[in-house]
Protein backbone atom coordinates (compact mmCIF):
# COMPACT_ATOMS: atom_id res chain seq x y z
CA MET A 1 -39.21 -33.29 -49.48
CA ASN A 2 -42.17 -35.67 -48.84
CA LYS A 3 -43.37 -36.59 -45.42
CA ASN A 4 -42.01 -40.18 -45.49
CA ASN A 5 -38.49 -39.04 -46.43
CA ARG A 6 -38.47 -36.38 -43.72
CA THR A 7 -39.63 -38.90 -41.11
CA SER A 8 -36.89 -41.33 -42.21
CA LYS A 9 -34.20 -38.65 -41.82
CA ILE A 10 -35.48 -37.69 -38.40
CA ALA A 11 -35.36 -41.33 -37.30
CA LEU A 12 -31.85 -41.64 -38.72
CA VAL A 13 -30.65 -38.55 -36.78
CA LEU A 14 -32.18 -39.89 -33.56
CA SER A 15 -30.44 -43.20 -34.05
CA LEU A 16 -27.06 -41.52 -34.68
CA VAL A 17 -27.39 -39.32 -31.62
CA ILE A 18 -28.28 -42.25 -29.35
CA LEU A 19 -25.54 -44.43 -30.87
CA GLY A 20 -22.95 -41.65 -30.34
CA VAL A 21 -23.93 -41.33 -26.72
CA LEU A 22 -23.62 -45.08 -26.19
CA VAL A 23 -20.21 -45.28 -27.91
CA LEU A 24 -18.81 -42.35 -25.94
CA GLY A 25 -20.08 -43.86 -22.74
CA ALA A 26 -18.45 -47.21 -23.52
CA CYS A 27 -15.07 -45.67 -24.49
CA ALA A 28 -14.72 -43.09 -21.71
CA PRO A 29 -12.43 -43.99 -18.77
CA ALA A 30 -13.86 -44.33 -15.29
CA ALA A 31 -14.15 -40.89 -13.63
CA THR A 32 -14.79 -39.50 -10.19
CA PRO A 33 -18.56 -39.73 -9.52
CA ALA A 34 -20.33 -36.50 -10.48
CA PRO A 35 -23.57 -35.07 -9.12
CA THR A 36 -26.59 -37.17 -10.19
CA GLN A 37 -28.13 -36.12 -13.55
CA ASP A 38 -31.18 -37.21 -15.57
CA VAL A 39 -29.23 -38.66 -18.54
CA ALA A 40 -32.32 -39.77 -20.46
CA LYS A 41 -33.79 -36.27 -20.21
CA ILE A 42 -30.55 -34.69 -21.45
CA GLN A 43 -30.38 -37.11 -24.42
CA THR A 44 -33.99 -36.47 -25.35
CA GLU A 45 -33.57 -32.67 -25.19
CA ALA A 46 -30.42 -32.86 -27.33
CA ALA A 47 -32.18 -34.99 -29.98
CA GLN A 48 -35.19 -32.65 -30.01
CA THR A 49 -32.88 -29.66 -30.54
CA VAL A 50 -31.19 -31.31 -33.53
CA VAL A 51 -34.55 -32.32 -35.06
CA ALA A 52 -35.95 -28.83 -34.57
CA ASP A 53 -32.92 -27.26 -36.24
CA MET A 54 -33.13 -29.60 -39.25
CA THR A 55 -36.87 -29.14 -39.59
CA ALA A 56 -36.36 -25.35 -39.67
CA GLY A 57 -33.61 -25.64 -42.25
CA ALA A 58 -30.93 -24.33 -39.83
CA PRO A 59 -27.30 -25.11 -40.70
CA PRO A 60 -25.44 -27.59 -38.48
CA PRO A 61 -23.51 -26.11 -35.52
CA ALA A 62 -20.18 -24.49 -36.44
CA THR A 63 -16.83 -25.68 -35.10
CA PRO A 64 -16.33 -24.07 -31.64
CA VAL A 65 -14.03 -21.00 -31.63
CA PRO A 66 -11.53 -20.71 -28.74
CA PRO A 67 -12.41 -17.79 -26.41
CA THR A 68 -10.49 -14.53 -26.87
CA PRO A 69 -7.82 -14.19 -24.15
CA VAL A 70 -8.81 -11.68 -21.45
CA PRO A 71 -6.11 -9.05 -20.79
CA PRO A 72 -4.77 -8.84 -17.23
CA THR A 73 -6.71 -6.65 -14.84
CA PRO A 74 -4.96 -3.31 -14.15
CA GLY A 75 -3.87 -2.42 -10.63
CA PRO A 76 -5.21 0.46 -8.51
CA THR A 77 -6.74 3.40 -10.36
CA LEU A 78 -4.06 5.83 -11.55
CA ASP A 79 -4.75 9.45 -10.68
CA PRO A 80 -4.67 11.55 -13.88
CA ASN A 81 -2.58 14.19 -12.08
CA MET A 82 0.22 11.76 -11.24
CA PRO A 83 3.58 12.89 -12.72
CA VAL A 84 4.61 10.83 -15.73
CA ALA A 85 7.87 8.89 -15.51
CA VAL A 86 10.83 9.93 -17.63
CA VAL A 87 12.97 6.80 -17.83
CA PRO A 88 15.84 5.65 -20.06
CA VAL A 89 14.66 3.78 -23.15
CA PRO A 90 16.43 0.42 -23.49
CA ALA A 91 18.79 -0.06 -26.41
CA ALA A 92 18.26 -2.90 -28.87
CA GLY A 93 18.89 -6.22 -27.12
CA GLU A 94 18.78 -4.78 -23.59
CA PRO A 95 16.26 -6.13 -21.05
CA ALA A 96 13.08 -4.13 -21.61
CA ALA A 97 9.66 -3.67 -20.01
CA THR A 98 6.72 -2.31 -22.03
CA ALA A 99 3.66 -1.07 -20.15
CA ASN A 100 0.50 -3.01 -21.06
CA TYR A 101 -1.66 -0.16 -19.77
CA ASN A 102 -1.27 2.96 -17.61
CA THR A 103 0.29 1.82 -14.35
CA THR A 104 2.43 3.07 -11.45
CA ILE A 105 6.12 2.85 -10.60
CA TYR A 106 6.64 2.17 -6.88
CA SER A 107 9.61 2.28 -4.50
CA GLY A 108 9.18 -1.43 -3.77
CA PRO A 109 7.31 -4.56 -4.87
CA GLY A 110 3.83 -3.62 -3.66
CA VAL A 111 1.17 -0.92 -3.75
CA ASN A 112 1.91 -0.12 -0.09
CA TYR A 113 5.22 1.52 -1.08
CA VAL A 114 5.57 5.16 -2.14
CA ALA A 115 4.54 5.93 -5.75
CA TYR A 116 7.23 7.55 -7.89
CA ALA A 117 5.43 8.22 -11.18
CA ALA A 118 2.96 7.05 -13.81
CA PHE A 119 4.18 4.56 -16.43
CA LEU A 120 1.93 5.08 -19.45
CA SER A 121 0.64 2.38 -21.77
CA GLY A 122 3.16 1.56 -24.49
CA ALA A 123 6.08 3.24 -22.73
CA GLN A 124 9.34 1.31 -22.41
CA ALA A 125 11.90 1.12 -19.59
CA LYS A 126 15.21 -0.61 -18.97
CA VAL A 127 14.90 -3.67 -16.72
CA ILE A 128 17.71 -3.94 -14.15
CA GLY A 129 16.38 -6.61 -11.79
CA LYS A 130 13.47 -8.64 -10.50
CA SER A 131 11.82 -9.33 -7.15
CA GLU A 132 12.61 -12.34 -5.02
CA ASP A 133 9.28 -13.96 -5.90
CA GLY A 134 9.56 -13.07 -9.60
CA LEU A 135 6.27 -11.13 -9.60
CA TRP A 136 7.76 -7.61 -9.90
CA TRP A 137 10.40 -6.06 -12.16
CA VAL A 138 12.96 -3.42 -11.18
CA ILE A 139 13.47 -0.70 -13.79
CA SER A 140 15.88 2.21 -14.11
CA VAL A 141 14.27 5.39 -12.70
CA PRO A 142 16.86 8.20 -12.42
CA VAL A 143 14.54 10.47 -10.39
CA ALA A 144 14.20 7.84 -7.64
CA PRO A 145 16.63 8.37 -4.74
CA ASN A 146 18.44 5.08 -5.43
CA GLY A 147 17.74 5.05 -9.19
CA GLN A 148 15.35 2.10 -8.95
CA GLY A 149 11.61 1.69 -9.41
CA TRP A 150 9.35 -1.36 -9.27
CA VAL A 151 6.51 -2.32 -11.63
CA ASP A 152 4.00 -5.15 -11.25
CA GLY A 153 4.82 -8.01 -13.61
CA VAL A 154 1.14 -8.21 -14.65
CA SER A 155 1.24 -4.63 -15.92
CA VAL A 156 4.24 -5.00 -18.26
CA THR A 157 5.55 -7.23 -21.03
CA VAL A 158 9.23 -8.02 -20.44
CA THR A 159 11.78 -9.23 -23.00
CA GLY A 160 15.44 -10.21 -22.74
CA ALA A 161 15.49 -10.19 -18.94
CA GLU A 162 16.43 -13.81 -18.27
CA GLY A 163 19.76 -12.89 -16.70
CA VAL A 164 18.85 -9.85 -14.57
CA PRO A 165 19.73 -10.13 -10.87
CA VAL A 166 17.32 -10.66 -8.00
CA VAL A 167 16.98 -7.42 -6.00
CA PRO A 168 16.36 -7.74 -2.23
CA THR A 169 12.97 -6.50 -1.08
CA PRO A 170 13.28 -3.10 0.65
CA PRO A 171 11.39 -2.49 3.90
CA VAL A 172 8.07 -0.71 3.70
CA PRO A 173 8.67 2.81 5.13
CA PRO A 174 6.58 3.82 8.15
CA THR A 175 3.32 5.69 7.73
CA VAL A 176 3.25 9.32 8.87
CA GLU A 177 -0.09 10.62 10.12
CA MET A 178 -1.03 14.05 8.84
CA VAL A 179 -3.11 16.19 11.19
CA PRO A 180 -6.62 16.52 9.69
CA PRO A 181 -7.73 20.06 8.77
CA ALA A 182 -10.91 21.91 9.61
CA PRO A 183 -13.17 22.32 6.54
CA GLU A 184 -11.92 25.83 5.74
CA ASP A 185 -8.26 25.23 6.57
CA PRO A 186 -5.59 25.10 3.87
CA GLN A 187 -5.26 21.40 3.12
CA ALA A 188 -3.60 18.80 0.92
CA THR A 189 -4.95 15.38 -0.10
CA ALA A 190 -2.47 12.75 -1.29
CA ILE A 191 -3.19 11.48 -4.82
CA ALA A 192 -0.69 8.64 -4.24
CA ASN A 193 1.47 7.27 -1.46
CA VAL A 194 4.01 10.07 -1.03
CA TYR A 195 7.01 10.81 1.20
CA ILE A 196 6.89 13.56 3.82
CA ARG A 197 10.40 14.95 4.17
CA ALA A 198 12.42 17.21 6.45
CA GLY A 199 12.79 19.82 3.71
CA PRO A 200 11.59 20.81 0.23
CA GLY A 201 13.62 18.37 -1.85
CA THR A 202 14.34 14.69 -2.37
CA ASN A 203 17.80 15.25 -0.86
CA TYR A 204 16.21 15.71 2.58
CA THR A 205 15.53 12.68 4.76
CA ALA A 206 12.01 11.25 4.71
CA TYR A 207 9.94 10.88 7.87
CA GLY A 208 7.71 8.30 6.18
CA ILE A 209 4.73 7.90 3.84
CA ALA A 210 1.51 9.91 3.73
CA GLN A 211 -1.02 7.36 2.53
CA TYR A 212 -3.07 7.76 -0.66
CA GLY A 213 -6.34 9.62 -0.04
CA LYS A 214 -5.32 11.08 3.35
CA THR A 215 -5.73 14.82 3.95
CA GLY A 216 -3.56 17.06 6.12
CA ARG A 217 -3.52 20.69 7.18
CA ILE A 218 -1.19 22.96 5.22
CA ILE A 219 0.71 25.57 7.24
CA GLY A 220 3.07 26.93 4.60
CA LYS A 221 4.71 26.56 1.22
CA SER A 222 8.25 26.52 -0.13
CA GLU A 223 9.88 29.56 -1.67
CA ASP A 224 9.45 28.10 -5.19
CA GLY A 225 5.88 26.90 -4.55
CA ALA A 226 6.76 23.30 -5.40
CA TRP A 227 6.35 21.94 -1.84
CA TRP A 228 3.74 22.28 0.91
CA VAL A 229 4.45 22.27 4.64
CA VAL A 230 1.91 20.05 6.41
CA ARG A 231 1.15 19.36 10.04
CA ILE A 232 2.05 15.82 11.15
CA ASN A 233 1.54 13.91 14.37
CA PRO A 234 4.22 15.20 16.82
CA GLU A 235 4.17 11.88 18.67
CA MET A 236 5.69 10.35 15.53
CA VAL A 237 7.87 13.29 14.45
CA GLY A 238 8.90 15.77 17.12
CA ALA A 239 9.02 18.75 14.76
CA GLY A 240 5.27 18.39 14.16
CA TYR A 241 5.49 19.31 10.47
CA GLY A 242 7.08 18.16 7.24
CA TRP A 243 7.32 18.90 3.52
CA VAL A 244 5.37 17.15 0.76
CA SER A 245 5.80 17.61 -3.00
CA ALA A 246 2.96 19.56 -4.62
CA ASP A 247 3.06 17.10 -7.54
CA TYR A 248 1.57 14.33 -5.40
CA VAL A 249 -1.22 16.17 -3.55
CA GLN A 250 -4.39 18.06 -4.38
CA ALA A 251 -4.34 21.36 -2.45
CA MET A 252 -7.28 23.58 -1.39
CA ASN A 253 -7.75 26.93 0.39
CA VAL A 254 -4.07 27.83 -0.02
CA GLU A 255 -4.37 31.38 -1.36
CA ASN A 256 -2.96 33.04 1.77
CA VAL A 257 -0.55 30.47 3.22
CA GLN A 258 2.81 31.83 4.33
CA THR A 259 6.11 31.14 2.56
CA ILE A 260 8.54 29.12 4.67
CA ALA A 261 12.29 29.61 4.24
CA THR A 262 14.18 26.59 2.95
CA PRO A 263 16.16 24.88 5.73
CA PRO A 264 19.82 24.09 5.05
CA ALA A 265 20.32 20.86 3.13
CA PRO A 266 21.73 18.14 5.36
CA PRO A 267 25.43 17.23 5.01
CA THR A 268 25.87 13.79 3.48
CA SER A 269 28.70 11.28 3.60
CA ALA A 270 28.89 7.66 2.50
CA PRO A 271 30.14 5.13 5.08
CA PRO A 272 33.45 3.35 4.49
CA PRO A 273 33.03 0.58 1.86
CA PRO A 274 32.43 -2.75 3.62
CA ALA A 275 34.79 -5.68 3.09
CA SER A 276 33.59 -8.66 1.09
CA GLY A 277 31.40 -11.10 2.99
CA VAL A 278 30.68 -8.95 6.05
CA PRO A 279 27.12 -8.07 7.21
CA THR A 280 25.92 -4.96 5.38
CA ALA A 281 23.13 -2.38 5.35
CA THR A 282 22.30 -0.52 2.13
CA THR A 283 20.28 2.69 2.23
CA ILE A 284 17.10 3.03 0.15
CA ASP A 285 16.90 6.82 0.59
CA TYR A 286 18.74 9.60 2.42
CA VAL A 287 19.10 8.15 5.92
CA ASN A 288 19.98 9.82 9.23
CA VAL A 289 22.94 8.20 10.99
CA ARG A 290 22.50 8.85 14.71
CA SER A 291 24.63 8.45 17.83
CA GLY A 292 22.14 5.97 19.32
CA PRO A 293 19.22 3.68 18.41
CA SER A 294 16.29 6.11 18.56
CA THR A 295 15.25 9.46 17.15
CA SER A 296 16.06 11.10 20.50
CA TYR A 297 19.77 10.79 19.70
CA PRO A 298 21.41 13.52 17.60
CA VAL A 299 22.12 13.06 13.90
CA LEU A 300 25.82 12.58 13.15
CA VAL A 301 25.61 12.63 9.35
CA VAL A 302 23.24 11.65 6.53
CA ALA A 303 24.05 8.63 4.37
CA PRO A 304 23.04 9.02 0.69
CA PRO A 305 20.79 6.44 -1.00
CA GLY A 306 22.29 3.29 -2.43
CA THR A 307 25.36 3.28 -0.18
CA SER A 308 26.40 0.29 1.93
CA GLY A 309 28.09 0.11 5.30
CA GLU A 310 29.30 -2.71 7.53
CA VAL A 311 26.84 -3.76 10.24
CA VAL A 312 28.44 -4.59 13.59
CA GLY A 313 25.42 -4.77 15.89
CA LYS A 314 21.71 -4.30 16.39
CA SER A 315 19.40 -2.83 19.01
CA ALA A 316 17.57 -5.06 21.47
CA ASP A 317 14.25 -4.45 19.72
CA GLY A 318 15.70 -5.09 16.25
CA GLY A 319 14.62 -1.68 15.00
CA TRP A 320 18.13 -0.22 14.55
CA TRP A 321 21.45 -1.34 13.10
CA GLN A 322 24.86 -0.20 14.32
CA VAL A 323 27.17 0.52 11.36
CA LYS A 324 30.71 1.67 10.78
CA ILE A 325 31.05 5.33 9.74
CA SER A 326 33.91 7.76 9.30
CA SER A 327 35.70 8.79 12.51
CA GLN A 328 35.20 12.33 11.25
CA TYR A 329 31.61 12.12 12.52
CA SER A 330 31.98 9.75 15.48
CA ALA A 331 34.96 9.25 17.79
CA ASP A 332 34.46 5.48 17.88
CA GLY A 333 33.62 5.28 14.15
CA LEU A 334 30.12 3.92 14.82
CA GLY A 335 26.58 5.15 14.25
CA TRP A 336 23.01 3.85 14.14
CA VAL A 337 20.50 3.66 11.25
CA SER A 338 16.82 2.79 11.38
CA ALA A 339 15.84 -0.61 9.99
CA ASP A 340 12.96 1.14 8.17
CA TRP A 341 15.38 2.68 5.65
CA VAL A 342 17.98 0.02 4.84
CA VAL A 343 18.20 -3.38 3.17
CA THR A 344 20.46 -5.77 5.08
CA GLN A 345 22.42 -8.85 4.06
CA GLY A 346 24.20 -11.40 6.24
CA THR A 347 23.01 -9.85 9.51
CA GLU A 348 21.50 -12.98 11.05
CA ASN A 349 24.23 -13.39 13.66
CA VAL A 350 25.22 -9.82 14.53
CA PRO A 351 25.21 -9.21 18.30
CA VAL A 352 22.82 -7.05 20.29
CA VAL A 353 24.60 -3.86 21.37
CA GLU A 354 23.62 -1.90 24.46
CA ALA A 355 22.88 1.73 23.66
CA THR A 356 24.66 4.61 25.31
CA THR A 357 22.71 6.83 27.69
CA PRO A 358 20.26 9.06 25.77
CA PRO A 359 20.82 12.81 25.79
CA PRO A 360 19.58 14.45 29.00
CA THR A 361 16.16 16.09 28.98
CA VAL A 362 16.42 19.88 29.00
CA PRO A 363 14.37 21.59 31.74
CA ALA A 364 10.98 22.82 30.54
CA THR A 365 11.59 26.37 31.75
CA PRO A 366 14.90 27.67 30.36
CA PRO A 367 17.36 29.49 32.56
CA PRO A 368 18.04 33.14 31.78
CA PRO A 369 20.72 33.69 29.13
CA SER A 370 24.21 34.60 30.18
CA GLY A 371 27.00 36.54 28.52
CA THR A 372 24.84 39.47 27.43
CA THR A 373 27.46 42.08 28.16
CA SER A 374 27.58 43.25 24.53
CA CYS A 375 23.86 43.37 23.83
CA ALA A 376 20.50 43.76 25.51
CA LEU A 377 17.04 42.42 24.76
CA VAL A 378 14.83 45.50 24.30
CA SER A 379 11.57 43.67 23.63
CA GLN A 380 10.18 40.30 22.62
CA SER A 381 6.92 39.00 21.14
CA PRO A 382 5.41 36.75 22.34
CA THR A 383 6.65 37.30 25.86
CA ASP A 384 8.08 34.35 27.78
CA GLY A 385 5.41 32.13 29.28
CA THR A 386 2.75 33.06 26.71
CA VAL A 387 0.01 30.39 26.57
CA LEU A 388 -0.80 29.16 23.06
CA ASN A 389 -3.27 26.70 21.61
CA PRO A 390 -1.91 23.36 20.35
CA GLY A 391 -0.68 23.68 16.78
CA ALA A 392 -0.92 27.48 16.72
CA SER A 393 1.27 29.32 14.21
CA PHE A 394 2.99 32.42 15.55
CA MET A 395 5.81 34.82 14.72
CA THR A 396 8.51 35.41 17.31
CA THR A 397 10.27 38.78 17.13
CA TRP A 398 13.18 39.95 19.22
CA VAL A 399 14.48 43.53 19.33
CA LEU A 400 18.18 43.43 20.24
CA GLN A 401 20.40 46.41 21.09
CA ASN A 402 24.14 46.51 20.44
CA THR A 403 25.42 47.68 23.85
CA GLY A 404 29.08 47.05 23.04
CA THR A 405 31.62 49.25 21.32
CA THR A 406 32.04 47.22 18.10
CA LYS A 407 29.77 47.47 15.07
CA TRP A 408 28.00 44.27 14.02
CA ASP A 409 29.03 44.24 10.38
CA LYS A 410 26.62 42.78 7.86
CA GLY A 411 28.29 39.76 6.27
CA GLU A 412 30.45 39.02 9.29
CA TYR A 413 27.82 38.64 12.00
CA ASP A 414 24.81 36.35 11.79
CA VAL A 415 21.96 34.92 13.88
CA ARG A 416 21.95 31.17 14.59
CA TYR A 417 19.63 28.66 16.19
CA LEU A 418 21.21 27.23 19.36
CA GLY A 419 18.82 24.56 20.64
CA ALA A 420 15.29 23.57 21.64
CA TYR A 421 13.84 22.89 25.06
CA ASN A 422 12.12 19.49 25.37
CA ASN A 423 13.86 18.59 22.10
CA ILE A 424 10.92 19.95 20.08
CA ILE A 425 11.87 22.41 17.35
CA LEU A 426 9.45 25.32 17.05
CA HIS A 427 10.89 27.43 14.26
CA GLN A 428 10.34 26.93 10.54
CA GLY A 429 12.97 27.56 7.95
CA SER A 430 16.71 27.99 8.30
CA ASP A 431 18.86 27.58 11.41
CA ALA A 432 21.10 30.52 10.43
CA TYR A 433 20.43 34.01 9.04
CA ASP A 434 22.81 36.71 7.91
CA LEU A 435 22.19 40.17 9.34
CA THR A 436 20.14 42.22 6.91
CA SER A 437 21.99 45.39 7.92
CA SER A 438 24.97 46.45 10.00
CA VAL A 439 24.27 47.44 13.61
CA GLU A 440 26.25 50.33 15.08
CA PRO A 441 26.87 50.52 18.86
CA GLY A 442 23.67 51.69 20.53
CA TRP A 443 21.48 50.73 17.57
CA THR A 444 18.77 48.04 17.68
CA TYR A 445 18.17 45.10 15.38
CA ASN A 446 14.85 43.30 14.81
CA PHE A 447 14.96 39.54 14.22
CA SER A 448 11.82 37.50 13.45
CA VAL A 449 11.25 33.81 12.74
CA PRO A 450 7.96 31.90 12.18
CA MET A 451 7.17 29.17 14.71
CA ILE A 452 4.54 26.52 15.34
CA ALA A 453 3.35 25.41 18.78
CA PRO A 454 3.47 21.64 19.48
CA PHE A 455 0.23 19.72 19.90
CA GLU A 456 1.08 18.20 23.26
CA PRO A 457 0.55 20.37 26.40
CA GLY A 458 3.70 21.51 28.14
CA PHE A 459 6.50 24.08 28.16
CA TYR A 460 8.62 24.57 25.03
CA GLY A 461 11.26 27.00 23.93
CA GLU A 462 14.17 27.82 21.66
CA ALA A 463 17.51 29.54 22.19
CA TRP A 464 19.21 31.69 19.52
CA GLN A 465 22.34 33.80 19.40
CA VAL A 466 24.11 36.54 17.48
CA VAL A 467 27.54 35.20 16.57
CA TYR A 468 30.76 36.48 15.08
CA GLY A 469 32.50 33.49 13.54
CA ASN A 470 32.28 30.94 16.35
CA GLN A 471 32.14 33.57 19.08
CA THR A 472 28.82 34.15 20.84
CA VAL A 473 27.98 37.85 20.98
CA CYS A 474 24.41 37.84 22.23
CA PRO A 475 22.28 34.82 23.29
CA PHE A 476 18.50 35.18 23.57
CA TYR A 477 15.53 32.84 23.80
CA VAL A 478 11.75 32.43 23.99
CA TYR A 479 9.61 29.91 25.83
CA ILE A 480 5.87 29.25 25.64
CA GLU A 481 3.29 27.08 27.31
CA VAL A 482 0.83 24.97 25.32
CA LYS A 483 -2.56 24.30 26.90
């Protein structure tokens, strides 16, 4: 190409560029004023770029390619030790959710709820509902107490779910504070939000959630090794300890922790089915039904998850609902459930109900036992009035002598927990034990039970008894002082 031809082509390109700019400027609609720019400089630089490319023999710019869609950002990091969900696979045509990446199934629509399991990339689950705001999906999770789990809508691809129902948002359960351990103490760190329960199983009521990343002191383990007993703040839970599944914590320094006997599973009973249109409360887990609106009232019965009862009142602070229950458990057919563990409907106009008088406070120093005519306390460790450090673990042993004339037959006589002073339970494990051997008149029997001292200073104690059927044979007790 000669110099004159090349110069002519350059001039032609410059003319076309300038003409295009003028035409576009004339045809464009009026717009909102933009920040001031040097238009002449921009036009000159554009023309110089085109000339430079042609002079170098570069091909003209290609047609722009649309950007590749960016996949949604996953939620919180999933711990690799999290149990993997086993969920029903949807049949053809059923509403289905497919995990876009490894994610978590929660007990409610948010990462502040307890985590049930990992939902791995590519896995499928049956969709049974959606959240009120449409951002979360409810899937079938048989291992969950109420059979439901929630997944973030960003983390799954859902098909065929146009007609699924809206599921009311459950309350966020309260947080339970674990007592921090010393560096060398047995300890457990939560790898996800996890329930702390009253016993080693999901059929025990939950005290609340131990938050992800929090560490607590371990004081024991279950008989099957699948649960740890951890210290919790006694101001929140009077017992001062609870059970957490080993699947959801990372444990350390646990080689020599003691085995704790499994407490009896709580009796459960569903409330009478509510009539159509009445205010209702539906349980999201196993829920204590109490005789009054606070944890200081005794438990009447435990309502299983997913059951509904009629609401007839509420506490003055709004933290408790009064519900109808079977007259088998309450003379007036009424009980109270915490608002932290139920989903309510139609309760806007229920009246405030005045609570009955709370149970009386038991004196700090227990009176001496009575009715010991058929047995005698030979020795006891620790002795009454022993001073212990807050949170100290100790074993209480009583040596009892059969001073009557009737043999205590193994299988017919047992030892039972009677009550706690200051309403703080000290013992761990069961409330009832069969005799390990028969006790002839004049013989002695050793009975031991592990206990834990409360963290708050004061006097505490427990009363026990040897019983034959419902007849008290021999009451005995221990009381300690915490300083």
